[in-house]
Amino acid sequence: LHAVSARLIGAEFTRKISFGHSLSWSYRYYLVRLRLYL
């Protein structure tokens, strides 16, 4: 969970998250949630 959040609040993201990153998380959210549940 810390590793996933680090990609959002860490240095990989700029101050303004790009449109492409935002769109990709619309699909990745369910995969991340399922992986954590398992």
Full PDB file with SEQRES, HELIX, SHEET, SSBOND, CRYST1, ORIGX, SCALE, CONECT and MASTER records, all heavy atoms in Angstrom:
SEQRES   1 A   38  LEU HIS ALA VAL SER ALA ARG LEU ILE GLY ALA GLU PHE          
SEQRES   2 A   38  THR ARG LYS ILE SER PHE GLY HIS SER LEU SER TRP SER          
SEQRES   3 A   38  TYR ARG TYR TYR LEU VAL ARG LEU ARG LEU TYR LEU              
HELIX    1 AA1 HIS A    2  ILE A    9  1                                   8    
HELIX    2 AA2 PHE A   19  TYR A   37  1                                  19    
CRYST1    1.000    1.000    1.000  90.00  90.00  90.00 P 1           1          
ORIGX1      1.000000  0.000000  0.000000        0.00000                         
ORIGX2      0.000000  1.000000  0.000000        0.00000                         
ORIGX3      0.000000  0.000000  1.000000        0.00000                         
SCALE1      1.000000  0.000000  0.000000        0.00000                         
SCALE2      0.000000  1.000000  0.000000        0.00000                         
SCALE3      0.000000  0.000000  1.000000        0.00000                         
ATOM      1  N   LEU A   1       0.833  -1.202   0.000  1.00  0.00           N  
ATOM      2  CA  LEU A   1       0.000   0.000   0.000  1.00  0.00           C  
ATOM      3  C   LEU A   1       0.866   1.251   0.000  1.00  0.00           C  
ATOM      4  O   LEU A   1       0.586   2.231  -0.703  1.00  0.00           O  
ATOM      5  CB  LEU A   1      -0.925  -0.017   1.221  1.00  0.00           C  
ATOM      6  CG  LEU A   1      -2.151   0.914   1.192  1.00  0.00           C  
ATOM      7  CD1 LEU A   1      -3.026   0.609  -0.023  1.00  0.00           C  
ATOM      8  CD2 LEU A   1      -2.962   0.749   2.473  1.00  0.00           C  
ATOM      9  N   HIS A   2       1.949   1.228   0.759  1.00  0.00           N  
ATOM     10  CA  HIS A   2       2.892   2.349   0.784  1.00  0.00           C  
ATOM     11  C   HIS A   2       3.554   2.527  -0.580  1.00  0.00           C  
ATOM     12  O   HIS A   2       3.768   3.663  -1.035  1.00  0.00           O  
ATOM     13  CB  HIS A   2       3.965   2.113   1.853  1.00  0.00           C  
ATOM     14  CG  HIS A   2       3.569   2.573   3.215  1.00  0.00           C  
ATOM     15  ND1 HIS A   2       3.740   3.865   3.640  1.00  0.00           N  
ATOM     16  CD2 HIS A   2       2.991   1.901   4.252  1.00  0.00           C  
ATOM     17  CE1 HIS A   2       3.298   3.983   4.880  1.00  0.00           C  
ATOM     18  NE2 HIS A   2       2.838   2.803   5.278  1.00  0.00           N  
ATOM     19  N   ALA A   3       3.884   1.410  -1.237  1.00  0.00           N  
ATOM     20  CA  ALA A   3       4.542   1.496  -2.547  1.00  0.00           C  
ATOM     21  C   ALA A   3       3.617   2.117  -3.586  1.00  0.00           C  
ATOM     22  O   ALA A   3       4.047   2.928  -4.416  1.00  0.00           O  
ATOM     23  CB  ALA A   3       4.989   0.100  -2.991  1.00  0.00           C  
ATOM     24  N   VAL A   4       2.334   1.736  -3.542  1.00  0.00           N  
ATOM     25  CA  VAL A   4       1.372   2.301  -4.490  1.00  0.00           C  
ATOM     26  C   VAL A   4       1.191   3.792  -4.237  1.00  0.00           C  
ATOM     27  O   VAL A   4       1.182   4.604  -5.174  1.00  0.00           O  
ATOM     28  CB  VAL A   4       0.021   1.574  -4.388  1.00  0.00           C  
ATOM     29  CG1 VAL A   4      -1.025   2.253  -5.264  1.00  0.00           C  
ATOM     30  CG2 VAL A   4       0.163   0.115  -4.797  1.00  0.00           C  
ATOM     31  N   SER A   5       1.038   4.179  -2.981  1.00  0.00           N  
ATOM     32  CA  SER A   5       0.822   5.590  -2.658  1.00  0.00           C  
ATOM     33  C   SER A   5       2.055   6.435  -2.957  1.00  0.00           C  
ATOM     34  O   SER A   5       1.939   7.611  -3.316  1.00  0.00           O  
ATOM     35  CB  SER A   5       0.437   5.747  -1.184  1.00  0.00           C  
ATOM     36  OG  SER A   5       1.516   5.405  -0.338  1.00  0.00           O  
ATOM     37  N   ALA A   6       3.250   5.834  -2.839  1.00  0.00           N  
ATOM     38  CA  ALA A   6       4.485   6.580  -3.097  1.00  0.00           C  
ATOM     39  C   ALA A   6       4.558   7.056  -4.537  1.00  0.00           C  
ATOM     40  O   ALA A   6       5.160   8.090  -4.831  1.00  0.00           O  
ATOM     41  CB  ALA A   6       5.695   5.718  -2.764  1.00  0.00           C  
ATOM     42  N   ARG A   7       3.923   6.308  -5.455  1.00  0.00           N  
ATOM     43  CA  ARG A   7       3.943   6.714  -6.852  1.00  0.00           C  
ATOM     44  C   ARG A   7       3.051   7.916  -7.115  1.00  0.00           C  
ATOM     45  O   ARG A   7       3.154   8.553  -8.156  1.00  0.00           O  
ATOM     46  CB  ARG A   7       3.517   5.533  -7.739  1.00  0.00           C  
ATOM     47  CG  ARG A   7       4.548   4.416  -7.776  1.00  0.00           C  
ATOM     48  CD  ARG A   7       4.251   3.445  -8.894  1.00  0.00           C  
ATOM     49  NE  ARG A   7       3.090   2.607  -8.607  1.00  0.00           N  
ATOM     50  CZ  ARG A   7       3.159   1.423  -8.003  1.00  0.00           C  
ATOM     51  NH1 ARG A   7       4.332   0.963  -7.600  1.00  0.00           N  
ATOM     52  NH2 ARG A   7       2.075   0.722  -7.784  1.00  0.00           N  
ATOM     53  N   LEU A   8       2.165   8.201  -6.146  1.00  0.00           N  
ATOM     54  CA  LEU A   8       1.291   9.359  -6.291  1.00  0.00           C  
ATOM     55  C   LEU A   8       1.796  10.568  -5.509  1.00  0.00           C  
ATOM     56  O   LEU A   8       1.685  11.699  -5.965  1.00  0.00           O  
ATOM     57  CB  LEU A   8      -0.129   9.020  -5.822  1.00  0.00           C  
ATOM     58  CG  LEU A   8      -0.913   8.065  -6.713  1.00  0.00           C  
ATOM     59  CD1 LEU A   8      -2.258   7.748  -6.074  1.00  0.00           C  
ATOM     60  CD2 LEU A   8      -1.138   8.680  -8.078  1.00  0.00           C  
ATOM     61  N   ILE A   9       2.339  10.330  -4.320  1.00  0.00           N  
ATOM     62  CA  ILE A   9       2.745  11.456  -3.474  1.00  0.00           C  
ATOM     63  C   ILE A   9       4.255  11.656  -3.496  1.00  0.00           C  
ATOM     64  O   ILE A   9       4.779  12.537  -2.832  1.00  0.00           O  
ATOM     65  CB  ILE A   9       2.276  11.251  -2.013  1.00  0.00           C  
ATOM     66  CG1 ILE A   9       2.925  10.004  -1.403  1.00  0.00           C  
ATOM     67  CG2 ILE A   9       0.774  11.143  -1.951  1.00  0.00           C  
ATOM     68  CD1 ILE A   9       2.528   9.773   0.046  1.00  0.00           C  
ATOM     69  N   GLY A  10       4.955  10.807  -4.273  1.00  0.00           N  
ATOM     70  CA  GLY A  10       6.410  10.916  -4.333  1.00  0.00           C  
ATOM     71  C   GLY A  10       6.886  11.752  -5.504  1.00  0.00           C  
ATOM     72  O   GLY A  10       6.133  12.511  -6.123  1.00  0.00           O  
ATOM     73  N   ALA A  11       8.143  11.580  -5.845  1.00  0.00           N  
ATOM     74  CA  ALA A  11       8.794  12.428  -6.848  1.00  0.00           C  
ATOM     75  C   ALA A  11       8.425  12.049  -8.274  1.00  0.00           C  
ATOM     76  O   ALA A  11       8.728  12.798  -9.203  1.00  0.00           O  
ATOM     77  CB  ALA A  11      10.305  12.344  -6.670  1.00  0.00           C  
ATOM     78  N   GLU A  12       7.779  10.893  -8.486  1.00  0.00           N  
ATOM     79  CA  GLU A  12       7.474  10.478  -9.848  1.00  0.00           C  
ATOM     80  C   GLU A  12       6.444  11.379 -10.503  1.00  0.00           C  
ATOM     81  O   GLU A  12       6.401  11.513 -11.715  1.00  0.00           O  
ATOM     82  CB  GLU A  12       6.950   9.030  -9.857  1.00  0.00           C  
ATOM     83  CG  GLU A  12       8.011   8.002  -9.497  1.00  0.00           C  
ATOM     84  CD  GLU A  12       7.475   6.588  -9.651  1.00  0.00           C  
ATOM     85  OE1 GLU A  12       6.510   6.414 -10.411  1.00  0.00           O  
ATOM     86  OE2 GLU A  12       8.010   5.675  -9.022  1.00  0.00           O  
ATOM     87  N   PHE A  13       5.581  11.997  -9.679  1.00  0.00           N  
ATOM     88  CA  PHE A  13       4.543  12.843 -10.222  1.00  0.00           C  
ATOM     89  C   PHE A  13       4.908  14.306 -10.060  1.00  0.00           C  
ATOM     90  O   PHE A  13       5.487  14.705  -9.062  1.00  0.00           O  
ATOM     91  CB  PHE A  13       3.192  12.583  -9.525  1.00  0.00           C  
ATOM     92  CG  PHE A  13       2.486  11.378 -10.040  1.00  0.00           C  
ATOM     93  CD1 PHE A  13       2.852  10.123  -9.603  1.00  0.00           C  
ATOM     94  CD2 PHE A  13       1.476  11.493 -10.963  1.00  0.00           C  
ATOM     95  CE1 PHE A  13       2.208   9.005 -10.065  1.00  0.00           C  
ATOM     96  CE2 PHE A  13       0.819  10.378 -11.434  1.00  0.00           C  
ATOM     97  CZ  PHE A  13       1.189   9.124 -10.986  1.00  0.00           C  
ATOM     98  N   THR A  14       4.564  15.095 -11.051  1.00  0.00           N  
ATOM     99  CA  THR A  14       4.768  16.528 -10.946  1.00  0.00           C  
ATOM    100  C   THR A  14       3.658  17.122 -10.089  1.00  0.00           C  
ATOM    101  O   THR A  14       2.745  16.437  -9.642  1.00  0.00           O  
ATOM    102  CB  THR A  14       4.732  17.167 -12.344  1.00  0.00           C  
ATOM    103  OG1 THR A  14       3.453  16.919 -12.936  1.00  0.00           O  
ATOM    104  CG2 THR A  14       5.815  16.601 -13.226  1.00  0.00           C  
ATOM    105  N   ARG A  15       3.740  18.419  -9.878  1.00  0.00           N  
ATOM    106  CA  ARG A  15       2.734  19.097  -9.062  1.00  0.00           C  
ATOM    107  C   ARG A  15       1.344  18.963  -9.691  1.00  0.00           C  
ATOM    108  O   ARG A  15       0.341  18.874  -9.002  1.00  0.00           O  
ATOM    109  CB  ARG A  15       3.105  20.578  -8.922  1.00  0.00           C  
ATOM    110  CG  ARG A  15       2.252  21.343  -7.939  1.00  0.00           C  
ATOM    111  CD  ARG A  15       2.800  22.758  -7.749  1.00  0.00           C  
ATOM    112  NE  ARG A  15       2.034  23.472  -6.744  1.00  0.00           N  
ATOM    113  CZ  ARG A  15       0.925  24.139  -7.004  1.00  0.00           C  
ATOM    114  NH1 ARG A  15       0.460  24.178  -8.234  1.00  0.00           N  
ATOM    115  NH2 ARG A  15       0.270  24.771  -6.036  1.00  0.00           N  
ATOM    116  N   LYS A  16       1.287  18.924 -10.988  1.00  0.00           N  
ATOM    117  CA  LYS A  16       0.021  18.747 -11.706  1.00  0.00           C  
ATOM    118  C   LYS A  16       0.046  17.402 -12.404  1.00  0.00           C  
ATOM    119  O   LYS A  16       0.804  17.193 -13.352  1.00  0.00           O  
ATOM    120  CB  LYS A  16      -0.150  19.867 -12.733  1.00  0.00           C  
ATOM    121  CG  LYS A  16      -1.437  19.776 -13.539  1.00  0.00           C  
ATOM    122  CD  LYS A  16      -2.578  20.406 -12.793  1.00  0.00           C  
ATOM    123  CE  LYS A  16      -3.814  20.485 -13.705  1.00  0.00           C  
ATOM    124  NZ  LYS A  16      -4.999  20.936 -12.983  1.00  0.00           N  
ATOM    125  N   ILE A  17      -0.734  16.454 -11.947  1.00  0.00           N  
ATOM    126  CA  ILE A  17      -0.738  15.126 -12.555  1.00  0.00           C  
ATOM    127  C   ILE A  17      -1.304  15.229 -13.965  1.00  0.00           C  
ATOM    128  O   ILE A  17      -2.285  15.912 -14.213  1.00  0.00           O  
ATOM    129  CB  ILE A  17      -1.566  14.159 -11.698  1.00  0.00           C  
ATOM    130  CG1 ILE A  17      -0.884  13.948 -10.348  1.00  0.00           C  
ATOM    131  CG2 ILE A  17      -1.746  12.827 -12.399  1.00  0.00           C  
ATOM    132  CD1 ILE A  17      -1.628  13.062  -9.416  1.00  0.00           C  
ATOM    133  N   SER A  18      -0.683  14.521 -14.901  1.00  0.00           N  
ATOM    134  CA  SER A  18      -1.051  14.633 -16.305  1.00  0.00           C  
ATOM    135  C   SER A  18      -2.414  13.988 -16.565  1.00  0.00           C  
ATOM    136  O   SER A  18      -2.895  13.145 -15.814  1.00  0.00           O  
ATOM    137  CB  SER A  18       0.000  13.966 -17.184  1.00  0.00           C  
ATOM    138  OG  SER A  18      -0.024  12.561 -16.985  1.00  0.00           O  
ATOM    139  N   PHE A  19      -3.017  14.395 -17.689  1.00  0.00           N  
ATOM    140  CA  PHE A  19      -4.301  13.849 -18.109  1.00  0.00           C  
ATOM    141  C   PHE A  19      -4.192  12.345 -18.365  1.00  0.00           C  
ATOM    142  O   PHE A  19      -5.094  11.574 -18.048  1.00  0.00           O  
ATOM    143  CB  PHE A  19      -4.772  14.584 -19.366  1.00  0.00           C  
ATOM    144  CG  PHE A  19      -6.119  14.138 -19.860  1.00  0.00           C  
ATOM    145  CD1 PHE A  19      -7.274  14.651 -19.317  1.00  0.00           C  
ATOM    146  CD2 PHE A  19      -6.222  13.204 -20.879  1.00  0.00           C  
ATOM    147  CE1 PHE A  19      -8.524  14.244 -19.776  1.00  0.00           C  
ATOM    148  CE2 PHE A  19      -7.455  12.790 -21.348  1.00  0.00           C  
ATOM    149  CZ  PHE A  19      -8.605  13.319 -20.795  1.00  0.00           C  
ATOM    150  N   GLY A  20      -3.060  11.928 -18.950  1.00  0.00           N  
ATOM    151  CA  GLY A  20      -2.869  10.511 -19.241  1.00  0.00           C  
ATOM    152  C   GLY A  20      -2.815   9.656 -17.991  1.00  0.00           C  
ATOM    153  O   GLY A  20      -3.412   8.578 -17.937  1.00  0.00           O  
ATOM    154  N   HIS A  21      -2.090  10.118 -16.959  1.00  0.00           N  
ATOM    155  CA  HIS A  21      -2.042   9.382 -15.694  1.00  0.00           C  
ATOM    156  C   HIS A  21      -3.428   9.286 -15.065  1.00  0.00           C  
ATOM    157  O   HIS A  21      -3.809   8.252 -14.503  1.00  0.00           O  
ATOM    158  CB  HIS A  21      -1.080  10.073 -14.723  1.00  0.00           C  
ATOM    159  CG  HIS A  21       0.353   9.728 -14.950  1.00  0.00           C  
ATOM    160  ND1 HIS A  21       1.319  10.685 -15.186  1.00  0.00           N  
ATOM    161  CD2 HIS A  21       1.000   8.540 -14.989  1.00  0.00           C  
ATOM    162  CE1 HIS A  21       2.487  10.095 -15.348  1.00  0.00           C  
ATOM    163  NE2 HIS A  21       2.317   8.801 -15.239  1.00  0.00           N  
ATOM    164  N   SER A  22      -4.164  10.379 -15.130  1.00  0.00           N  
ATOM    165  CA  SER A  22      -5.512  10.384 -14.561  1.00  0.00           C  
ATOM    166  C   SER A  22      -6.394   9.362 -15.251  1.00  0.00           C  
ATOM    167  O   SER A  22      -7.123   8.601 -14.600  1.00  0.00           O  
ATOM    168  CB  SER A  22      -6.134  11.777 -14.685  1.00  0.00           C  
ATOM    169  OG  SER A  22      -5.467  12.706 -13.872  1.00  0.00           O  
ATOM    170  N   LEU A  23      -6.345   9.341 -16.577  1.00  0.00           N  
ATOM    171  CA  LEU A  23      -7.183   8.418 -17.328  1.00  0.00           C  
ATOM    172  C   LEU A  23      -6.810   6.967 -17.061  1.00  0.00           C  
ATOM    173  O   LEU A  23      -7.679   6.102 -16.924  1.00  0.00           O  
ATOM    174  CB  LEU A  23      -7.078   8.727 -18.820  1.00  0.00           C  
ATOM    175  CG  LEU A  23      -7.993   7.923 -19.753  1.00  0.00           C  
ATOM    176  CD1 LEU A  23      -9.446   8.180 -19.396  1.00  0.00           C  
ATOM    177  CD2 LEU A  23      -7.730   8.300 -21.207  1.00  0.00           C  
ATOM    178  N   SER A  24      -5.512   6.671 -16.971  1.00  0.00           N  
ATOM    179  CA  SER A  24      -5.085   5.288 -16.750  1.00  0.00           C  
ATOM    180  C   SER A  24      -5.548   4.760 -15.394  1.00  0.00           C  
ATOM    181  O   SER A  24      -5.850   3.579 -15.254  1.00  0.00           O  
ATOM    182  CB  SER A  24      -3.564   5.182 -16.853  1.00  0.00           C  
ATOM    183  OG  SER A  24      -2.928   5.865 -15.782  1.00  0.00           O  
ATOM    184  N   TRP A  25      -5.636   5.659 -14.390  1.00  0.00           N  
ATOM    185  CA  TRP A  25      -6.060   5.210 -13.071  1.00  0.00           C  
ATOM    186  C   TRP A  25      -7.546   4.874 -13.018  1.00  0.00           C  
ATOM    187  O   TRP A  25      -7.997   4.200 -12.094  1.00  0.00           O  
ATOM    188  CB  TRP A  25      -5.718   6.265 -12.008  1.00  0.00           C  
ATOM    189  CG  TRP A  25      -4.555   5.852 -11.177  1.00  0.00           C  
ATOM    190  CD1 TRP A  25      -3.240   5.998 -11.468  1.00  0.00           C  
ATOM    191  CD2 TRP A  25      -4.610   5.185  -9.916  1.00  0.00           C  
ATOM    192  NE1 TRP A  25      -2.472   5.469 -10.474  1.00  0.00           N  
ATOM    193  CE2 TRP A  25      -3.281   4.959  -9.499  1.00  0.00           C  
ATOM    194  CE3 TRP A  25      -5.646   4.749  -9.089  1.00  0.00           C  
ATOM    195  CZ2 TRP A  25      -2.965   4.335  -8.311  1.00  0.00           C  
ATOM    196  CZ3 TRP A  25      -5.332   4.118  -7.896  1.00  0.00           C  
ATOM    197  CH2 TRP A  25      -4.007   3.921  -7.521  1.00  0.00           C  
ATOM    198  N   SER A  26      -8.302   5.306 -13.993  1.00  0.00           N  
ATOM    199  CA  SER A  26      -9.706   4.913 -14.060  1.00  0.00           C  
ATOM    200  C   SER A  26      -9.840   3.402 -14.216  1.00  0.00           C  
ATOM    201  O   SER A  26     -10.815   2.794 -13.771  1.00  0.00           O  
ATOM    202  CB  SER A  26     -10.401   5.615 -15.233  1.00  0.00           C  
ATOM    203  OG  SER A  26     -10.357   7.008 -15.078  1.00  0.00           O  
ATOM    204  N   TYR A  27      -8.851   2.793 -14.859  1.00  0.00           N  
ATOM    205  CA  TYR A  27      -8.857   1.345 -15.053  1.00  0.00           C  
ATOM    206  C   TYR A  27      -7.983   0.638 -14.012  1.00  0.00           C  
ATOM    207  O   TYR A  27      -8.342  -0.446 -13.531  1.00  0.00           O  
ATOM    208  CB  TYR A  27      -8.355   1.017 -16.466  1.00  0.00           C  
ATOM    209  CG  TYR A  27      -9.107   1.746 -17.549  1.00  0.00           C  
ATOM    210  CD1 TYR A  27      -8.592   2.906 -18.125  1.00  0.00           C  
ATOM    211  CD2 TYR A  27     -10.348   1.298 -17.984  1.00  0.00           C  
ATOM    212  CE1 TYR A  27      -9.286   3.583 -19.124  1.00  0.00           C  
ATOM    213  CE2 TYR A  27     -11.052   1.968 -18.977  1.00  0.00           C  
ATOM    214  CZ  TYR A  27     -10.515   3.106 -19.538  1.00  0.00           C  
ATOM    215  OH  TYR A  27     -11.205   3.784 -20.507  1.00  0.00           O  
ATOM    216  N   ARG A  28      -6.848   1.230 -13.676  1.00  0.00           N  
ATOM    217  CA  ARG A  28      -5.920   0.596 -12.738  1.00  0.00           C  
ATOM    218  C   ARG A  28      -6.492   0.491 -11.336  1.00  0.00           C  
ATOM    219  O   ARG A  28      -6.099  -0.392 -10.573  1.00  0.00           O  
ATOM    220  CB  ARG A  28      -4.615   1.383 -12.697  1.00  0.00           C  
ATOM    221  CG  ARG A  28      -3.771   1.254 -13.952  1.00  0.00           C  
ATOM    222  CD  ARG A  28      -2.547   2.131 -13.848  1.00  0.00           C  
ATOM    223  NE  ARG A  28      -1.800   1.860 -12.637  1.00  0.00           N  
ATOM    224  CZ  ARG A  28      -0.971   2.732 -12.071  1.00  0.00           C  
ATOM    225  NH1 ARG A  28      -0.809   3.932 -12.606  1.00  0.00           N  
ATOM    226  NH2 ARG A  28      -0.310   2.413 -10.979  1.00  0.00           N  
ATOM    227  N   TYR A  29      -7.411   1.394 -10.972  1.00  0.00           N  
ATOM    228  CA  TYR A  29      -7.961   1.396  -9.622  1.00  0.00           C  
ATOM    229  C   TYR A  29      -8.516   0.030  -9.246  1.00  0.00           C  
ATOM    230  O   TYR A  29      -8.238  -0.491  -8.170  1.00  0.00           O  
ATOM    231  CB  TYR A  29      -9.056   2.460  -9.510  1.00  0.00           C  
ATOM    232  CG  TYR A  29      -9.944   2.303  -8.303  1.00  0.00           C  
ATOM    233  CD1 TYR A  29      -9.511   2.708  -7.041  1.00  0.00           C  
ATOM    234  CD2 TYR A  29     -11.208   1.743  -8.415  1.00  0.00           C  
ATOM    235  CE1 TYR A  29     -10.321   2.559  -5.932  1.00  0.00           C  
ATOM    236  CE2 TYR A  29     -12.025   1.590  -7.309  1.00  0.00           C  
ATOM    237  CZ  TYR A  29     -11.580   1.999  -6.078  1.00  0.00           C  
ATOM    238  OH  TYR A  29     -12.376   1.846  -4.975  1.00  0.00           O  
ATOM    239  N   TYR A  30      -9.314  -0.566 -10.115  1.00  0.00           N  
ATOM    240  CA  TYR A  30      -9.944  -1.855  -9.815  1.00  0.00           C  
ATOM    241  C   TYR A  30      -8.908  -2.972  -9.723  1.00  0.00           C  
ATOM    242  O   TYR A  30      -9.052  -3.891  -8.900  1.00  0.00           O  
ATOM    243  CB  TYR A  30     -10.999  -2.168 -10.876  1.00  0.00           C  
ATOM    244  CG  TYR A  30     -12.100  -1.145 -10.930  1.00  0.00           C  
ATOM    245  CD1 TYR A  30     -12.113  -0.156 -11.904  1.00  0.00           C  
ATOM    246  CD2 TYR A  30     -13.122  -1.152  -9.975  1.00  0.00           C  
ATOM    247  CE1 TYR A  30     -13.119   0.805 -11.950  1.00  0.00           C  
ATOM    248  CE2 TYR A  30     -14.128  -0.200 -10.014  1.00  0.00           C  
ATOM    249  CZ  TYR A  30     -14.120   0.775 -10.993  1.00  0.00           C  
ATOM    250  OH  TYR A  30     -15.106   1.729 -11.021  1.00  0.00           O  
ATOM    251  N   LEU A  31      -7.876  -2.904 -10.555  1.00  0.00           N  
ATOM    252  CA  LEU A  31      -6.816  -3.916 -10.496  1.00  0.00           C  
ATOM    253  C   LEU A  31      -6.029  -3.799  -9.197  1.00  0.00           C  
ATOM    254  O   LEU A  31      -5.705  -4.812  -8.564  1.00  0.00           O  
ATOM    255  CB  LEU A  31      -5.886  -3.769 -11.699  1.00  0.00           C  
ATOM    256  CG  LEU A  31      -6.517  -4.004 -13.074  1.00  0.00           C  
ATOM    257  CD1 LEU A  31      -5.495  -3.750 -14.174  1.00  0.00           C  
ATOM    258  CD2 LEU A  31      -7.076  -5.424 -13.162  1.00  0.00           C  
ATOM    259  N   VAL A  32      -5.723  -2.570  -8.797  1.00  0.00           N  
ATOM    260  CA  VAL A  32      -4.998  -2.352  -7.534  1.00  0.00           C  
ATOM    261  C   VAL A  32      -5.833  -2.818  -6.359  1.00  0.00           C  
ATOM    262  O   VAL A  32      -5.333  -3.487  -5.442  1.00  0.00           O  
ATOM    263  CB  VAL A  32      -4.627  -0.867  -7.378  1.00  0.00           C  
ATOM    264  CG1 VAL A  32      -4.066  -0.587  -5.985  1.00  0.00           C  
ATOM    265  CG2 VAL A  32      -3.603  -0.456  -8.427  1.00  0.00           C  
ATOM    266  N   ARG A  33      -7.120  -2.476  -6.391  1.00  0.00           N  
ATOM    267  CA  ARG A  33      -8.008  -2.880  -5.289  1.00  0.00           C  
ATOM    268  C   ARG A  33      -8.103  -4.401  -5.190  1.00  0.00           C  
ATOM    269  O   ARG A  33      -8.071  -4.963  -4.095  1.00  0.00           O  
ATOM    270  CB  ARG A  33      -9.394  -2.268  -5.527  1.00  0.00           C  
ATOM    271  CG  ARG A  33     -10.389  -2.516  -4.422  1.00  0.00           C  
ATOM    272  CD  ARG A  33     -10.029  -1.756  -3.169  1.00  0.00           C  
ATOM    273  NE  ARG A  33     -10.881  -2.156  -2.065  1.00  0.00           N  
ATOM    274  CZ  ARG A  33     -10.606  -3.129  -1.231  1.00  0.00           C  
ATOM    275  NH1 ARG A  33      -9.479  -3.828  -1.375  1.00  0.00           N  
ATOM    276  NH2 ARG A  33     -11.422  -3.419  -0.239  1.00  0.00           N  
ATOM    277  N   LEU A  34      -8.200  -5.088  -6.326  1.00  0.00           N  
ATOM    278  CA  LEU A  34      -8.279  -6.552  -6.337  1.00  0.00           C  
ATOM    279  C   LEU A  34      -6.977  -7.155  -5.837  1.00  0.00           C  
ATOM    280  O   LEU A  34      -6.991  -8.124  -5.054  1.00  0.00           O  
ATOM    281  CB  LEU A  34      -8.600  -7.039  -7.748  1.00  0.00           C  
ATOM    282  CG  LEU A  34      -8.639  -8.564  -7.937  1.00  0.00           C  
ATOM    283  CD1 LEU A  34      -9.735  -9.180  -7.073  1.00  0.00           C  
ATOM    284  CD2 LEU A  34      -8.866  -8.904  -9.414  1.00  0.00           C  
ATOM    285  N   ARG A  35      -5.827  -6.612  -6.280  1.00  0.00           N  
ATOM    286  CA  ARG A  35      -4.537  -7.153  -5.849  1.00  0.00           C  
ATOM    287  C   ARG A  35      -4.360  -7.022  -4.336  1.00  0.00           C  
ATOM    288  O   ARG A  35      -3.882  -7.954  -3.674  1.00  0.00           O  
ATOM    289  CB  ARG A  35      -3.400  -6.419  -6.577  1.00  0.00           C  
ATOM    290  CG  ARG A  35      -2.039  -7.043  -6.291  1.00  0.00           C  
ATOM    291  CD  ARG A  35      -0.946  -6.468  -7.149  1.00  0.00           C  
ATOM    292  NE  ARG A  35      -0.526  -5.146  -6.703  1.00  0.00           N  
ATOM    293  CZ  ARG A  35      -0.746  -4.024  -7.348  1.00  0.00           C  
ATOM    294  NH1 ARG A  35      -1.410  -4.038  -8.505  1.00  0.00           N  
ATOM    295  NH2 ARG A  35      -0.315  -2.863  -6.891  1.00  0.00           N  
ATOM    296  N   LEU A  36      -4.769  -5.896  -3.781  1.00  0.00           N  
ATOM    297  CA  LEU A  36      -4.655  -5.711  -2.333  1.00  0.00           C  
ATOM    298  C   LEU A  36      -5.603  -6.644  -1.578  1.00  0.00           C  
ATOM    299  O   LEU A  36      -5.250  -7.175  -0.517  1.00  0.00           O  
ATOM    300  CB  LEU A  36      -4.955  -4.255  -1.971  1.00  0.00           C  
ATOM    301  CG  LEU A  36      -3.906  -3.232  -2.422  1.00  0.00           C  
ATOM    302  CD1 LEU A  36      -4.395  -1.824  -2.149  1.00  0.00           C  
ATOM    303  CD2 LEU A  36      -2.576  -3.484  -1.715  1.00  0.00           C  
ATOM    304  N   TYR A  37      -6.792  -6.838  -2.134  1.00  0.00           N  
ATOM    305  CA  TYR A  37      -7.745  -7.751  -1.492  1.00  0.00           C  
ATOM    306  C   TYR A  37      -7.180  -9.165  -1.443  1.00  0.00           C  
ATOM    307  O   TYR A  37      -7.258  -9.845  -0.406  1.00  0.00           O  
ATOM    308  CB  TYR A  37      -9.062  -7.726  -2.267  1.00  0.00           C  
ATOM    309  CG  TYR A  37     -10.079  -8.738  -1.806  1.00  0.00           C  
ATOM    310  CD1 TYR A  37     -10.833  -8.525  -0.656  1.00  0.00           C  
ATOM    311  CD2 TYR A  37     -10.276  -9.922  -2.514  1.00  0.00           C  
ATOM    312  CE1 TYR A  37     -11.766  -9.463  -0.231  1.00  0.00           C  
ATOM    313  CE2 TYR A  37     -11.206 -10.869  -2.102  1.00  0.00           C  
ATOM    314  CZ  TYR A  37     -11.947 -10.632  -0.959  1.00  0.00           C  
ATOM    315  OH  TYR A  37     -12.863 -11.568  -0.542  1.00  0.00           O  
ATOM    316  N   LEU A  38      -6.607  -9.625  -2.546  1.00  0.00           N  
ATOM    317  CA  LEU A  38      -6.021 -10.972  -2.580  1.00  0.00           C  
ATOM    318  C   LEU A  38      -4.810 -11.063  -1.654  1.00  0.00           C  
ATOM    319  O   LEU A  38      -4.600 -12.092  -0.991  1.00  0.00           O  
ATOM    320  CB  LEU A  38      -5.617 -11.322  -4.013  1.00  0.00           C  
ATOM    321  CG  LEU A  38      -6.762 -11.456  -5.019  1.00  0.00           C  
ATOM    322  CD1 LEU A  38      -6.213 -11.688  -6.429  1.00  0.00           C  
ATOM    323  CD2 LEU A  38      -7.711 -12.576  -4.620  1.00  0.00           C  
TER     324      LEU A  38                                                      
MASTER        0    0    0    2    0    0    0    6  323    1    0    3          
END                                                                             
